[in-house]
PDB file of N, CA and C in Angstrom:
ATOM      1  N   MET A   1     101.935 114.414  92.100  1.00  0.00           N
ATOM      2  CA  MET A   1     101.771 114.653  93.511  1.00  0.00           C
ATOM      3  C   MET A   1     103.138 115.018  94.101  1.00  0.00           C
ATOM      4  N   LYS A   2     103.171 116.026  94.920  1.00  0.00           N
ATOM      5  CA  LYS A   2     104.406 116.501  95.542  1.00  0.00           C
ATOM      6  C   LYS A   2     104.635 115.757  96.857  1.00  0.00           C
ATOM      7  N   THR A   3     105.873 115.263  97.015  1.00  0.00           N
ATOM      8  CA  THR A   3     106.242 114.592  98.255  1.00  0.00           C
ATOM      9  C   THR A   3     107.336 115.395  98.942  1.00  0.00           C
ATOM     10  N   ARG A   4     107.504 115.203 100.242  1.00  0.00           N
ATOM     11  CA  ARG A   4     108.518 115.949 101.000  1.00  0.00           C
ATOM     12  C   ARG A   4     109.925 115.479 100.675  1.00  0.00           C
ATOM     13  N   PHE A   5     110.086 114.181 100.346  1.00  0.00           N
ATOM     14  CA  PHE A   5     111.397 113.608 100.081  1.00  0.00           C
ATOM     15  C   PHE A   5     111.381 112.887  98.737  1.00  0.00           C
ATOM     16  N   SER A   6     112.578 112.692  98.179  1.00  0.00           N
ATOM     17  CA  SER A   6     112.727 112.026  96.887  1.00  0.00           C
ATOM     18  C   SER A   6     113.696 110.855  97.023  1.00  0.00           C
ATOM     19  N   ILE A   7     113.768 110.029  96.000  1.00  0.00           N
ATOM     20  CA  ILE A   7     114.715 108.917  95.974  1.00  0.00           C
ATOM     21  C   ILE A   7     116.123 109.470  96.170  1.00  0.00           C
ATOM     22  N   GLY A   8     116.876 108.829  97.066  1.00  0.00           N
ATOM     23  CA  GLY A   8     118.242 109.253  97.363  1.00  0.00           C
ATOM     24  C   GLY A   8     118.366 110.172  98.560  1.00  0.00           C
ATOM     25  N   ASP A   9     117.265 110.788  98.991  1.00  0.00           N
ATOM     26  CA  ASP A   9     117.298 111.629 100.190  1.00  0.00           C
ATOM     27  C   ASP A   9     117.484 110.762 101.431  1.00  0.00           C
ATOM     28  N   THR A  10     118.165 111.286 102.428  1.00  0.00           N
ATOM     29  CA  THR A  10     118.286 110.603 103.710  1.00  0.00           C
ATOM     30  C   THR A  10     117.168 111.082 104.612  1.00  0.00           C
ATOM     31  N   ILE A  11     116.432 110.113 105.184  1.00  0.00           N
ATOM     32  CA  ILE A  11     115.352 110.453 106.106  1.00  0.00           C
ATOM     33  C   ILE A  11     115.635 109.808 107.463  1.00  0.00           C
ATOM     34  N   PHE A  12     114.997 110.341 108.484  1.00  0.00           N
ATOM     35  CA  PHE A  12     115.093 109.837 109.848  1.00  0.00           C
ATOM     36  C   PHE A  12     113.671 109.545 110.323  1.00  0.00           C
ATOM     37  N   TRP A  13     113.541 108.574 111.222  1.00  0.00           N
ATOM     38  CA  TRP A  13     112.253 108.272 111.830  1.00  0.00           C
ATOM     39  C   TRP A  13     112.503 107.616 113.177  1.00  0.00           C
ATOM     40  N   TYR A  14     111.517 107.713 114.049  1.00  0.00           N
ATOM     41  CA  TYR A  14     111.625 107.146 115.392  1.00  0.00           C
ATOM     42  C   TYR A  14     111.037 105.739 115.397  1.00  0.00           C
ATOM     43  N   CYS A  15     111.794 104.780 115.927  1.00  0.00           N
ATOM     44  CA  CYS A  15     111.354 103.387 116.036  1.00  0.00           C
ATOM     45  C   CYS A  15     110.810 103.166 117.446  1.00  0.00           C
ATOM     46  N   ASP A  16     109.524 102.873 117.561  1.00  0.00           N
ATOM     47  CA  ASP A  16     108.893 102.639 118.865  1.00  0.00           C
ATOM     48  C   ASP A  16     109.425 101.371 119.524  1.00  0.00           C
ATOM     49  N   ILE A  17     109.787 100.363 118.749  1.00  0.00           N
ATOM     50  CA  ILE A  17     110.249  99.094 119.307  1.00  0.00           C
ATOM     51  C   ILE A  17     111.617  99.257 119.973  1.00  0.00           C
ATOM     52  N   GLU A  18     112.573  99.887 119.245  1.00  0.00           N
ATOM     53  CA  GLU A  18     113.922 100.075 119.779  1.00  0.00           C
ATOM     54  C   GLU A  18     114.069 101.366 120.577  1.00  0.00           C
ATOM     55  N   GLN A  19     113.065 102.215 120.529  1.00  0.00           N
ATOM     56  CA  GLN A  19     113.060 103.500 121.230  1.00  0.00           C
ATOM     57  C   GLN A  19     114.265 104.357 120.850  1.00  0.00           C
ATOM     58  N   CYS A  20     114.509 104.452 119.527  1.00  0.00           N
ATOM     59  CA  CYS A  20     115.597 105.288 119.034  1.00  0.00           C
ATOM     60  C   CYS A  20     115.261 105.758 117.622  1.00  0.00           C
ATOM     61  N   THR A  21     116.086 106.664 117.120  1.00  0.00           N
ATOM     62  CA  THR A  21     115.903 107.192 115.775  1.00  0.00           C
ATOM     63  C   THR A  21     116.790 106.429 114.799  1.00  0.00           C
ATOM     64  N   HIS A  22     116.225 106.078 113.657  1.00  0.00           N
ATOM     65  CA  HIS A  22     116.971 105.416 112.589  1.00  0.00           C
ATOM     66  C   HIS A  22     117.108 106.376 111.411  1.00  0.00           C
ATOM     67  N   GLN A  23     118.038 106.053 110.510  1.00  0.00           N
ATOM     68  CA  GLN A  23     118.175 106.836 109.287  1.00  0.00           C
ATOM     69  C   GLN A  23     118.469 105.905 108.134  1.00  0.00           C
ATOM     70  N   ALA A  24     118.073 106.319 106.928  1.00  0.00           N
ATOM     71  CA  ALA A  24     118.353 105.550 105.717  1.00  0.00           C
ATOM     72  C   ALA A  24     118.062 106.421 104.498  1.00  0.00           C
ATOM     73  N   LYS A  25     118.590 106.005 103.351  1.00  0.00           N
ATOM     74  CA  LYS A  25     118.303 106.693 102.094  1.00  0.00           C
ATOM     75  C   LYS A  25     117.025 106.119 101.495  1.00  0.00           C
ATOM     76  N   VAL A  26     116.214 106.993 100.920  1.00  0.00           N
ATOM     77  CA  VAL A  26     114.962 106.586 100.286  1.00  0.00           C
ATOM     78  C   VAL A  26     115.288 105.813  99.011  1.00  0.00           C
ATOM     79  N   LYS A  27     114.734 104.580  98.914  1.00  0.00           N
ATOM     80  CA  LYS A  27     114.926 103.762  97.721  1.00  0.00           C
ATOM     81  C   LYS A  27     113.770 103.934  96.738  1.00  0.00           C
ATOM     82  N   PHE A  28     112.573 104.185  97.269  1.00  0.00           N
ATOM     83  CA  PHE A  28     111.384 104.300  96.421  1.00  0.00           C
ATOM     84  C   PHE A  28     110.333 105.106  97.160  1.00  0.00           C
ATOM     85  N   VAL A  29     109.561 105.891  96.428  1.00  0.00           N
ATOM     86  CA  VAL A  29     108.465 106.669  97.003  1.00  0.00           C
ATOM     87  C   VAL A  29     107.162 106.027  96.553  1.00  0.00           C
ATOM     88  N   ASN A  30     106.350 105.596  97.506  1.00  0.00           N
ATOM     89  CA  ASN A  30     105.048 104.984  97.220  1.00  0.00           C
ATOM     90  C   ASN A  30     103.957 105.997  97.532  1.00  0.00           C
ATOM     91  N   PHE A  31     103.024 106.171  96.601  1.00  0.00           N
ATOM     92  CA  PHE A  31     101.917 107.071  96.900  1.00  0.00           C
ATOM     93  C   PHE A  31     100.658 106.646  96.169  1.00  0.00           C
ATOM     94  N   ALA A  32      99.539 106.896  96.833  1.00  0.00           N
ATOM     95  CA  ALA A  32      98.215 106.679  96.262  1.00  0.00           C
ATOM     96  C   ALA A  32      97.502 108.017  96.308  1.00  0.00           C
ATOM     97  N   GLY A  33      97.090 108.511  95.171  1.00  0.00           N
ATOM     98  CA  GLY A  33      96.515 109.843  95.095  1.00  0.00           C
ATOM     99  C   GLY A  33      95.009 109.896  95.142  1.00  0.00           C
ATOM    100  N   ALA A  34      94.341 108.757  95.198  1.00  0.00           N
ATOM    101  CA  ALA A  34      92.877 108.752  95.221  1.00  0.00           C
ATOM    102  C   ALA A  34      92.382 109.088  96.623  1.00  0.00           C
ATOM    103  N   GLY A  35      91.484 110.049  96.701  1.00  0.00           N
ATOM    104  CA  GLY A  35      90.967 110.451  98.011  1.00  0.00           C
ATOM    105  C   GLY A  35      92.035 111.155  98.811  1.00  0.00           C
ATOM    106  N   TYR A  36      92.252 110.702 100.034  1.00  0.00           N
ATOM    107  CA  TYR A  36      93.279 111.276 100.896  1.00  0.00           C
ATOM    108  C   TYR A  36      94.629 110.695 100.492  1.00  0.00           C
ATOM    109  N   PRO A  37      95.603 111.537 100.148  1.00  0.00           N
ATOM    110  CA  PRO A  37      96.902 111.015  99.695  1.00  0.00           C
ATOM    111  C   PRO A  37      97.598 110.173 100.766  1.00  0.00           C
ATOM    112  N   ASP A  38      98.077 109.001 100.367  1.00  0.00           N
ATOM    113  CA  ASP A  38      98.820 108.104 101.253  1.00  0.00           C
ATOM    114  C   ASP A  38     100.225 107.987 100.683  1.00  0.00           C
ATOM    115  N   ILE A  39     101.215 108.536 101.387  1.00  0.00           N
ATOM    116  CA  ILE A  39     102.597 108.565 100.902  1.00  0.00           C
ATOM    117  C   ILE A  39     103.491 107.886 101.933  1.00  0.00           C
ATOM    118  N   ASN A  40     104.379 106.987 101.453  1.00  0.00           N
ATOM    119  CA  ASN A  40     105.391 106.428 102.330  1.00  0.00           C
ATOM    120  C   ASN A  40     106.681 106.233 101.550  1.00  0.00           C
ATOM    121  N   TYR A  41     107.771 106.088 102.301  1.00  0.00           N
ATOM    122  CA  TYR A  41     109.110 105.989 101.724  1.00  0.00           C
ATOM    123  C   TYR A  41     109.684 104.614 102.036  1.00  0.00           C
ATOM    124  N   GLU A  42     110.121 103.914 101.002  1.00  0.00           N
ATOM    125  CA  GLU A  42     110.707 102.589 101.166  1.00  0.00           C
ATOM    126  C   GLU A  42     112.203 102.736 101.408  1.00  0.00           C
ATOM    127  N   VAL A  43     112.689 102.143 102.502  1.00  0.00           N
ATOM    128  CA  VAL A  43     114.105 102.203 102.862  1.00  0.00           C
ATOM    129  C   VAL A  43     114.570 100.818 103.301  1.00  0.00           C
ATOM    130  N   SER A  44     115.873 100.578 103.221  1.00  0.00           N
ATOM    131  CA  SER A  44     116.484  99.367 103.777  1.00  0.00           C
ATOM    132  C   SER A  44     117.408  99.801 104.896  1.00  0.00           C
ATOM    133  N   THR A  45     117.273  99.150 106.050  1.00  0.00           N
ATOM    134  CA  THR A  45     118.068  99.517 107.212  1.00  0.00           C
ATOM    135  C   THR A  45     118.141  98.350 108.182  1.00  0.00           C
ATOM    136  N   VAL A  46     119.036  98.451 109.146  1.00  0.00           N
ATOM    137  CA  VAL A  46     119.089  97.473 110.232  1.00  0.00           C
ATOM    138  C   VAL A  46     118.176  97.989 111.337  1.00  0.00           C
ATOM    139  N   CYS A  47     117.165  97.215 111.642  1.00  0.00           N
ATOM    140  CA  CYS A  47     116.202  97.579 112.677  1.00  0.00           C
ATOM    141  C   CYS A  47     115.869  96.316 113.458  1.00  0.00           C
ATOM    142  N   CYS A  48     115.839  96.421 114.754  1.00  0.00           N
ATOM    143  CA  CYS A  48     115.525  95.293 115.626  1.00  0.00           C
ATOM    144  C   CYS A  48     116.488  94.126 115.392  1.00  0.00           C
ATOM    145  N   GLY A  49     117.749  94.466 115.099  1.00  0.00           N
ATOM    146  CA  GLY A  49     118.791  93.465 114.969  1.00  0.00           C
ATOM    147  C   GLY A  49     118.913  92.769 113.633  1.00  0.00           C
ATOM    148  N   LYS A  50     118.125  93.169 112.629  1.00  0.00           N
ATOM    149  CA  LYS A  50     118.252  92.523 111.319  1.00  0.00           C
ATOM    150  C   LYS A  50     117.994  93.516 110.189  1.00  0.00           C
ATOM    151  N   GLU A  51     118.555  93.198 109.018  1.00  0.00           N
ATOM    152  CA  GLU A  51     118.355  94.027 107.818  1.00  0.00           C
ATOM    153  C   GLU A  51     116.904  93.879 107.368  1.00  0.00           C
ATOM    154  N   GLN A  52     116.229  95.011 107.178  1.00  0.00           N
ATOM    155  CA  GLN A  52     114.814  94.996 106.805  1.00  0.00           C
ATOM    156  C   GLN A  52     114.510  96.066 105.765  1.00  0.00           C
ATOM    157  N   THR A  53     113.475  95.826 104.987  1.00  0.00           N
ATOM    158  CA  THR A  53     112.888  96.864 104.155  1.00  0.00           C
ATOM    159  C   THR A  53     111.709  97.405 104.937  1.00  0.00           C
ATOM    160  N   ILE A  54     111.717  98.713 105.145  1.00  0.00           N
ATOM    161  CA  ILE A  54     110.690  99.364 105.973  1.00  0.00           C
ATOM    162  C   ILE A  54     110.004 100.442 105.143  1.00  0.00           C
ATOM    163  N   PHE A  55     108.723 100.627 105.378  1.00  0.00           N
ATOM    164  CA  PHE A  55     107.948 101.677 104.730  1.00  0.00           C
ATOM    165  C   PHE A  55     107.639 102.740 105.775  1.00  0.00           C
ATOM    166  N   VAL A  56     108.266 103.897 105.632  1.00  0.00           N
ATOM    167  CA  VAL A  56     108.124 104.984 106.596  1.00  0.00           C
ATOM    168  C   VAL A  56     107.050 105.940 106.099  1.00  0.00           C
ATOM    169  N   ASP A  57     106.005 106.125 106.881  1.00  0.00           N
ATOM    170  CA  ASP A  57     104.924 107.045 106.522  1.00  0.00           C
ATOM    171  C   ASP A  57     105.469 108.468 106.415  1.00  0.00           C
ATOM    172  N   GLU A  58     104.946 109.231 105.481  1.00  0.00           N
ATOM    173  CA  GLU A  58     105.440 110.599 105.283  1.00  0.00           C
ATOM    174  C   GLU A  58     105.317 111.440 106.552  1.00  0.00           C
ATOM    175  N   ASN A  59     104.289 111.197 107.350  1.00  0.00           N
ATOM    176  CA  ASN A  59     104.116 111.959 108.584  1.00  0.00           C
ATOM    177  C   ASN A  59     105.148 111.604 109.647  1.00  0.00           C
ATOM    178  N   ASP A  60     105.790 110.435 109.524  1.00  0.00           N
ATOM    179  CA  ASP A  60     106.808 109.997 110.480  1.00  0.00           C
ATOM    180  C   ASP A  60     108.224 110.341 110.035  1.00  0.00           C
ATOM    181  N   ALA A  61     108.408 110.661 108.763  1.00  0.00           N
ATOM    182  CA  ALA A  61     109.745 110.952 108.220  1.00  0.00           C
ATOM    183  C   ALA A  61     110.189 112.362 108.614  1.00  0.00           C
ATOM    184  N   MET A  62     111.468 112.472 109.010  1.00  0.00           N
ATOM    185  CA  MET A  62     112.033 113.759 109.422  1.00  0.00           C
ATOM    186  C   MET A  62     113.282 114.055 108.593  1.00  0.00           C
ATOM    187  N   LYS A  63     113.610 115.332 108.453  1.00  0.00           N
ATOM    188  CA  LYS A  63     114.799 115.762 107.704  1.00  0.00           C
ATOM    189  C   LYS A  63     116.083 115.546 108.487  1.00  0.00           C
ATOM    190  N   GLU A  64     115.980 115.601 109.813  1.00  0.00           N
ATOM    191  CA  GLU A  64     117.178 115.458 110.655  1.00  0.00           C
ATOM    192  C   GLU A  64     116.804 114.726 111.921  1.00  0.00           C
ATOM    193  N   GLU A  65     117.832 114.197 112.587  1.00  0.00           N
ATOM    194  CA  GLU A  65     117.632 113.432 113.805  1.00  0.00           C
ATOM    195  C   GLU A  65     117.286 114.349 114.977  1.00  0.00           C
ATOM    196  N   PHE A  66     116.324 113.936 115.790  1.00  0.00           N
ATOM    197  CA  PHE A  66     115.945 114.705 116.977  1.00  0.00           C
ATOM    198  C   PHE A  66     116.180 113.887 118.209  1.00  0.00           C
TER     199      PHE A  66
END
Protein backbone atom coordinates (compact mmCIF):
# COMPACT_ATOMS: atom_id res chain seq x y z
CA MET A 1 0.00 0.00 0.00
CA LYS A 2 1.35 3.43 -0.94
CA THR A 3 1.42 6.12 1.73
CA ARG A 4 2.07 9.86 1.33
CA PHE A 5 4.86 9.89 3.94
CA SER A 6 7.53 7.44 5.12
CA ILE A 7 9.51 6.85 8.31
CA GLY A 8 11.85 9.80 8.87
CA ASP A 9 9.75 12.32 6.93
CA THR A 10 8.75 15.50 8.75
CA ILE A 11 5.00 16.07 8.81
CA PHE A 12 2.84 18.94 10.05
CA TRP A 13 -0.71 18.85 11.42
CA TYR A 14 -3.13 21.26 13.05
CA CYS A 15 -3.92 20.74 16.75
CA ASP A 16 -7.52 21.75 17.56
CA ILE A 17 -6.80 21.89 21.30
CA GLU A 18 -3.82 24.30 21.10
CA GLN A 19 -5.09 25.96 17.90
CA CYS A 20 -1.68 25.77 16.22
CA THR A 21 0.36 23.65 13.84
CA HIS A 22 2.78 21.04 15.16
CA GLN A 23 5.58 19.20 13.39
CA ALA A 24 7.47 15.96 14.01
CA LYS A 25 9.34 13.17 12.23
CA VAL A 26 7.39 10.02 11.40
CA LYS A 27 8.48 7.14 13.65
CA PHE A 28 6.14 4.48 12.26
CA VAL A 29 3.48 4.16 9.56
CA ASN A 30 0.33 2.28 10.61
CA PHE A 31 -2.07 1.03 7.98
CA ALA A 32 -4.95 -1.38 7.58
CA GLY A 33 -5.62 -2.39 4.00
CA ALA A 34 -8.87 -4.30 4.43
CA GLY A 35 -11.83 -2.45 2.96
CA TYR A 36 -11.26 1.30 3.11
CA PRO A 37 -7.55 1.96 3.78
CA ASP A 38 -6.88 3.46 7.23
CA ILE A 39 -3.43 5.10 7.39
CA ASN A 40 -1.88 7.11 10.22
CA TYR A 41 1.59 8.27 11.20
CA GLU A 42 3.04 7.72 14.67
CA VAL A 43 5.07 10.68 15.96
CA SER A 44 6.47 11.89 19.30
CA THR A 45 6.09 15.58 20.07
CA VAL A 46 5.31 18.10 22.78
CA CYS A 47 1.59 18.79 22.61
CA CYS A 48 -0.63 20.38 25.24
CA GLY A 49 2.40 20.94 27.47
CA LYS A 50 3.73 17.38 27.62
CA GLU A 51 5.69 14.85 25.53
CA GLN A 52 3.23 12.54 23.78
CA THR A 53 3.03 9.86 21.14
CA ILE A 54 0.38 10.95 18.67
CA PHE A 55 -1.20 9.17 15.71
CA VAL A 56 -1.79 11.65 12.89
CA ASP A 57 -4.38 10.56 10.31
CA GLU A 58 -3.09 10.65 6.74
CA ASN A 59 -5.82 13.13 5.80
CA ASP A 60 -4.59 15.53 8.53
CA ALA A 61 -0.86 15.28 7.71
CA MET A 62 0.67 18.09 5.63
CA LYS A 63 4.04 18.47 3.87
CA GLU A 64 4.57 22.02 5.14
CA GLU A 65 3.23 24.38 7.75
CA PHE A 66 0.25 26.55 6.81
